[in-house]
Amino acid sequence: MANKKLKDEELKKVQELNQKFLQAKIKIADTVIGLFNTVPAVDAIQEQFSDLEKELIKEYGENAVIDLRTGEVKDPETPVENGENK
């Protein structure tokens, strides 16, 4: 059987598609690595938030409502049933 060879145009297409495929795999890998690097940072932020939340609860009460834009602290609204406060 004689050796066969791809036409130049076919070889070029295969090489281009292979290169695109490899680039896509690298991009996915970079994204996953970035995710693994970001998760611990998110965990740390959540822990800091939890600690601050505990401090604010001690200072302003468990049900205080804080406006994150202005810093205003309000008491929770009393639920209204049948149009009358109970």
N, C-alpha and C. Protein backbone atom coordinates (compact mmCIF):
# COMPACT_ATOMS: atom_id res chain seq x y z
N MET A 1 0.85 -1.19 0.00
CA MET A 1 0.00 0.00 0.00
C MET A 1 0.89 1.24 0.00
N ALA A 2 0.58 2.15 -0.84
CA ALA A 2 1.38 3.37 -0.98
C ALA A 2 1.03 4.34 0.15
N ASN A 3 2.03 5.08 0.57
CA ASN A 3 1.79 6.11 1.58
C ASN A 3 0.93 7.21 0.99
N LYS A 4 -0.04 7.62 1.78
CA LYS A 4 -0.91 8.72 1.35
C LYS A 4 -0.58 9.94 2.19
N LYS A 5 -0.91 11.06 1.66
CA LYS A 5 -0.61 12.32 2.36
C LYS A 5 -1.79 13.26 2.19
N LEU A 6 -2.08 14.01 3.26
CA LEU A 6 -3.14 15.01 3.17
C LEU A 6 -2.74 16.09 2.19
N LYS A 7 -3.74 16.65 1.56
CA LYS A 7 -3.49 17.82 0.72
C LYS A 7 -3.10 18.96 1.64
N ASP A 8 -2.36 19.91 1.12
CA ASP A 8 -1.89 21.05 1.94
C ASP A 8 -3.06 21.75 2.63
N GLU A 9 -4.14 21.94 1.90
CA GLU A 9 -5.31 22.62 2.47
C GLU A 9 -5.93 21.81 3.61
N GLU A 10 -5.99 20.48 3.45
CA GLU A 10 -6.54 19.61 4.50
C GLU A 10 -5.65 19.65 5.74
N LEU A 11 -4.35 19.55 5.54
CA LEU A 11 -3.40 19.59 6.65
C LEU A 11 -3.50 20.90 7.41
N LYS A 12 -3.61 21.99 6.67
CA LYS A 12 -3.72 23.31 7.30
C LYS A 12 -4.98 23.39 8.15
N LYS A 13 -6.11 22.88 7.65
CA LYS A 13 -7.37 22.91 8.40
C LYS A 13 -7.27 22.07 9.67
N VAL A 14 -6.70 20.88 9.54
CA VAL A 14 -6.55 20.00 10.70
C VAL A 14 -5.64 20.65 11.74
N GLN A 15 -4.55 21.23 11.33
CA GLN A 15 -3.63 21.89 12.26
C GLN A 15 -4.29 23.08 12.94
N GLU A 16 -5.06 23.88 12.19
CA GLU A 16 -5.75 25.04 12.76
C GLU A 16 -6.78 24.61 13.80
N LEU A 17 -7.57 23.58 13.45
CA LEU A 17 -8.58 23.10 14.39
C LEU A 17 -7.94 22.50 15.64
N ASN A 18 -6.85 21.78 15.45
CA ASN A 18 -6.15 21.21 16.59
C ASN A 18 -5.62 22.33 17.50
N GLN A 19 -5.08 23.37 16.90
CA GLN A 19 -4.56 24.51 17.69
C GLN A 19 -5.69 25.20 18.46
N LYS A 20 -6.85 25.40 17.80
CA LYS A 20 -8.00 26.00 18.48
C LYS A 20 -8.46 25.14 19.63
N PHE A 21 -8.49 23.82 19.42
CA PHE A 21 -8.89 22.89 20.46
C PHE A 21 -7.95 22.98 21.66
N LEU A 22 -6.64 22.98 21.40
CA LEU A 22 -5.66 23.08 22.48
C LEU A 22 -5.79 24.40 23.23
N GLN A 23 -6.02 25.48 22.51
CA GLN A 23 -6.20 26.80 23.15
C GLN A 23 -7.44 26.80 24.04
N ALA A 24 -8.51 26.17 23.57
CA ALA A 24 -9.74 26.09 24.37
C ALA A 24 -9.51 25.28 25.64
N LYS A 25 -8.77 24.18 25.52
CA LYS A 25 -8.46 23.37 26.71
C LYS A 25 -7.63 24.16 27.72
N ILE A 26 -6.68 24.93 27.24
CA ILE A 26 -5.85 25.74 28.13
C ILE A 26 -6.71 26.81 28.81
N LYS A 27 -7.62 27.39 28.07
CA LYS A 27 -8.51 28.41 28.64
C LYS A 27 -9.38 27.81 29.74
N ILE A 28 -9.89 26.60 29.50
CA ILE A 28 -10.69 25.92 30.53
C ILE A 28 -9.83 25.64 31.76
N ALA A 29 -8.63 25.15 31.55
CA ALA A 29 -7.73 24.86 32.66
C ALA A 29 -7.42 26.13 33.46
N ASP A 30 -7.15 27.23 32.77
CA ASP A 30 -6.88 28.50 33.44
C ASP A 30 -8.08 28.95 34.28
N THR A 31 -9.28 28.74 33.73
CA THR A 31 -10.50 29.11 34.44
C THR A 31 -10.66 28.28 35.70
N VAL A 32 -10.41 26.98 35.61
CA VAL A 32 -10.53 26.10 36.77
C VAL A 32 -9.49 26.46 37.83
N ILE A 33 -8.28 26.73 37.40
CA ILE A 33 -7.23 27.13 38.34
C ILE A 33 -7.62 28.44 39.03
N GLY A 34 -8.15 29.38 38.26
CA GLY A 34 -8.60 30.65 38.84
C GLY A 34 -9.70 30.42 39.86
N LEU A 35 -10.61 29.50 39.55
CA LEU A 35 -11.69 29.17 40.48
C LEU A 35 -11.12 28.63 41.78
N PHE A 36 -10.20 27.68 41.69
CA PHE A 36 -9.60 27.12 42.90
C PHE A 36 -8.84 28.17 43.70
N ASN A 37 -8.27 29.15 43.04
CA ASN A 37 -7.56 30.22 43.75
C ASN A 37 -8.53 31.22 44.38
N THR A 38 -9.71 31.35 43.80
CA THR A 38 -10.69 32.33 44.28
C THR A 38 -11.51 31.81 45.45
N VAL A 39 -11.79 30.52 45.47
CA VAL A 39 -12.65 29.95 46.52
C VAL A 39 -12.12 30.25 47.92
N PRO A 40 -10.82 30.04 48.21
CA PRO A 40 -10.35 30.38 49.55
C PRO A 40 -10.52 31.87 49.90
N ALA A 41 -10.37 32.73 48.90
CA ALA A 41 -10.56 34.17 49.15
C ALA A 41 -12.02 34.44 49.52
N VAL A 42 -12.94 33.80 48.83
CA VAL A 42 -14.37 33.96 49.15
C VAL A 42 -14.65 33.43 50.55
N ASP A 43 -14.08 32.29 50.88
CA ASP A 43 -14.26 31.73 52.22
C ASP A 43 -13.77 32.70 53.30
N ALA A 44 -12.62 33.31 53.06
CA ALA A 44 -12.06 34.26 54.03
C ALA A 44 -12.97 35.48 54.18
N ILE A 45 -13.50 35.97 53.07
CA ILE A 45 -14.41 37.13 53.12
C ILE A 45 -15.67 36.76 53.89
N GLN A 46 -16.20 35.57 53.66
CA GLN A 46 -17.41 35.14 54.38
C GLN A 46 -17.14 35.04 55.87
N GLU A 47 -15.97 34.56 56.24
CA GLU A 47 -15.61 34.46 57.66
C GLU A 47 -15.50 35.86 58.28
N GLN A 48 -14.88 36.79 57.56
CA GLN A 48 -14.78 38.17 58.06
C GLN A 48 -16.17 38.79 58.20
N PHE A 49 -17.02 38.53 57.22
CA PHE A 49 -18.39 39.05 57.25
C PHE A 49 -19.13 38.50 58.46
N SER A 50 -18.97 37.21 58.72
CA SER A 50 -19.63 36.57 59.86
C SER A 50 -19.16 37.17 61.17
N ASP A 51 -17.85 37.40 61.30
CA ASP A 51 -17.31 38.01 62.51
C ASP A 51 -17.87 39.42 62.71
N LEU A 52 -17.91 40.21 61.64
CA LEU A 52 -18.44 41.57 61.73
C LEU A 52 -19.93 41.54 62.07
N GLU A 53 -20.64 40.60 61.46
CA GLU A 53 -22.07 40.47 61.72
C GLU A 53 -22.32 40.21 63.21
N LYS A 54 -21.51 39.36 63.83
CA LYS A 54 -21.64 39.08 65.26
C LYS A 54 -21.42 40.34 66.09
N GLU A 55 -20.41 41.12 65.71
CA GLU A 55 -20.14 42.39 66.41
C GLU A 55 -21.32 43.35 66.27
N LEU A 56 -21.86 43.45 65.07
CA LEU A 56 -22.98 44.37 64.83
C LEU A 56 -24.23 43.92 65.56
N ILE A 57 -24.44 42.63 65.67
CA ILE A 57 -25.59 42.11 66.42
C ILE A 57 -25.46 42.49 67.89
N LYS A 58 -24.25 42.38 68.45
CA LYS A 58 -24.04 42.77 69.85
C LYS A 58 -24.33 44.26 70.04
N GLU A 59 -23.91 45.06 69.07
CA GLU A 59 -24.05 46.52 69.18
C GLU A 59 -25.48 47.00 68.91
N TYR A 60 -26.13 46.45 67.87
CA TYR A 60 -27.39 47.03 67.42
C TYR A 60 -28.59 46.09 67.56
N GLY A 61 -28.37 44.86 67.96
CA GLY A 61 -29.47 43.92 68.12
C GLY A 61 -29.57 42.97 66.95
N GLU A 62 -30.14 41.80 67.23
CA GLU A 62 -30.16 40.72 66.25
C GLU A 62 -31.01 41.03 65.02
N ASN A 63 -32.07 41.79 65.21
CA ASN A 63 -32.99 42.03 64.09
C ASN A 63 -32.87 43.43 63.50
N ALA A 64 -31.82 44.15 63.85
CA ALA A 64 -31.64 45.50 63.31
C ALA A 64 -31.49 45.42 61.79
N VAL A 65 -32.00 46.45 61.13
CA VAL A 65 -31.91 46.54 59.68
C VAL A 65 -30.91 47.63 59.34
N ILE A 66 -29.87 47.27 58.60
CA ILE A 66 -28.81 48.21 58.27
C ILE A 66 -28.87 48.53 56.78
N ASP A 67 -28.93 49.82 56.47
CA ASP A 67 -28.88 50.27 55.07
C ASP A 67 -27.40 50.31 54.67
N LEU A 68 -27.00 49.43 53.78
CA LEU A 68 -25.59 49.33 53.40
C LEU A 68 -25.11 50.54 52.60
N ARG A 69 -26.00 51.32 52.05
CA ARG A 69 -25.59 52.52 51.31
C ARG A 69 -25.28 53.67 52.26
N THR A 70 -26.10 53.83 53.30
CA THR A 70 -25.98 54.99 54.18
C THR A 70 -25.42 54.67 55.56
N GLY A 71 -25.51 53.40 55.97
CA GLY A 71 -25.08 53.03 57.32
C GLY A 71 -26.16 53.23 58.35
N GLU A 72 -27.34 53.69 57.94
CA GLU A 72 -28.43 53.92 58.87
C GLU A 72 -28.91 52.59 59.44
N VAL A 73 -29.11 52.57 60.75
CA VAL A 73 -29.59 51.38 61.44
C VAL A 73 -31.01 51.65 61.91
N LYS A 74 -31.92 50.74 61.55
CA LYS A 74 -33.33 50.88 61.95
C LYS A 74 -33.74 49.66 62.75
N ASP A 75 -34.70 49.87 63.63
CA ASP A 75 -35.31 48.75 64.31
C ASP A 75 -36.16 48.00 63.31
N PRO A 76 -36.33 46.71 63.50
CA PRO A 76 -37.17 45.97 62.56
C PRO A 76 -38.60 46.45 62.63
N GLU A 77 -39.27 46.38 61.48
CA GLU A 77 -40.66 46.80 61.45
C GLU A 77 -41.50 45.75 62.16
N THR A 78 -42.51 46.24 62.89
CA THR A 78 -43.43 45.34 63.57
C THR A 78 -44.40 44.80 62.53
N PRO A 79 -44.55 43.46 62.47
CA PRO A 79 -45.50 42.91 61.49
C PRO A 79 -46.91 43.38 61.76
N VAL A 80 -47.65 43.63 60.71
CA VAL A 80 -49.02 44.10 60.83
C VAL A 80 -49.96 42.97 60.40
N GLU A 81 -50.92 42.61 61.29
CA GLU A 81 -51.89 41.60 60.95
C GLU A 81 -53.27 42.23 60.98
N ASN A 82 -54.03 41.98 59.96
CA ASN A 82 -55.41 42.50 59.87
C ASN A 82 -55.46 44.01 60.09
N GLY A 83 -54.40 44.71 59.70
CA GLY A 83 -54.41 46.16 59.80
C GLY A 83 -54.12 46.70 61.19
N GLU A 84 -53.88 45.82 62.15
CA GLU A 84 -53.62 46.30 63.52
C GLU A 84 -52.32 45.66 64.03
N ASN A 85 -51.56 46.44 64.80
CA ASN A 85 -50.37 45.89 65.43
C ASN A 85 -50.80 45.01 66.59
N LYS A 86 -50.15 43.93 66.79
CA LYS A 86 -50.49 43.05 67.92
C LYS A 86 -49.38 43.07 68.93
